[in-house]
Amino acid sequence: MLRGIVSSLLEEAPMSLLAGVVEQLHAETGLERAAGWRRLRALAHELKTTREVWQ
């Protein structure tokens, strides 16, 4: 179930929302922004999303 929710977010959420997630991870954990985007991209590939930005 969680995989479906994450997949839907990666496919359909506004990029501004995803950017906010990356920014929050950076603020709360110190994760570099680029690393946050890499992690989202890796999740998108693992979940086989089709959104062009993840290709």
Protein backbone atom coordinates (compact mmCIF):
# COMPACT_ATOMS: atom_id res chain seq x y z
CA MET A 1 0.00 0.00 0.00
CA LEU A 2 2.77 2.44 0.91
CA ARG A 3 4.52 1.72 -2.40
CA GLY A 4 1.37 2.78 -4.25
CA ILE A 5 1.12 6.03 -2.32
CA VAL A 6 4.78 6.90 -2.90
CA SER A 7 4.49 5.97 -6.57
CA SER A 8 1.44 8.22 -6.96
CA LEU A 9 3.23 11.10 -5.27
CA LEU A 10 6.25 10.74 -7.53
CA GLU A 11 3.99 10.54 -10.60
CA GLU A 12 1.45 13.24 -9.80
CA ALA A 13 2.57 15.63 -7.07
CA PRO A 14 3.54 19.12 -8.12
CA MET A 15 7.30 19.46 -8.35
CA SER A 16 7.04 22.31 -5.84
CA LEU A 17 5.72 19.83 -3.26
CA LEU A 18 8.57 17.41 -3.96
CA ALA A 19 11.05 20.29 -3.73
CA GLY A 20 9.54 21.08 -0.33
CA VAL A 21 10.15 17.49 0.78
CA VAL A 22 13.80 17.75 -0.29
CA GLU A 23 14.11 21.10 1.49
CA GLN A 24 12.56 19.72 4.67
CA LEU A 25 14.93 16.74 4.63
CA HIS A 26 17.81 19.17 4.25
CA ALA A 27 16.60 21.37 7.12
CA GLU A 28 15.81 18.53 9.51
CA THR A 29 18.62 16.07 8.79
CA GLY A 30 21.30 18.00 6.95
CA LEU A 31 20.88 15.78 3.89
CA GLU A 32 22.35 17.58 0.90
CA ARG A 33 19.65 18.73 -1.50
CA ALA A 34 21.26 16.93 -4.44
CA ALA A 35 21.28 13.70 -2.42
CA GLY A 36 17.59 14.16 -1.66
CA TRP A 37 16.81 14.47 -5.36
CA ARG A 38 18.95 11.42 -6.11
CA ARG A 39 17.00 9.43 -3.54
CA LEU A 40 13.67 10.50 -5.04
CA ARG A 41 14.95 9.59 -8.51
CA ALA A 42 16.11 6.18 -7.24
CA LEU A 43 12.69 5.57 -5.69
CA ALA A 44 11.02 6.59 -8.93
CA HIS A 45 13.14 4.10 -10.88
CA GLU A 46 12.55 1.34 -8.34
CA LEU A 47 8.80 1.94 -8.51
CA LYS A 48 8.92 2.16 -12.32
CA THR A 49 7.25 5.55 -12.53
CA THR A 50 6.79 7.06 -15.97
CA ARG A 51 6.99 10.78 -15.20
CA GLU A 52 9.48 12.27 -17.64
CA VAL A 53 11.42 14.20 -15.00
CA TRP A 54 12.57 10.92 -13.41
CA GLN A 55 13.87 9.40 -16.65
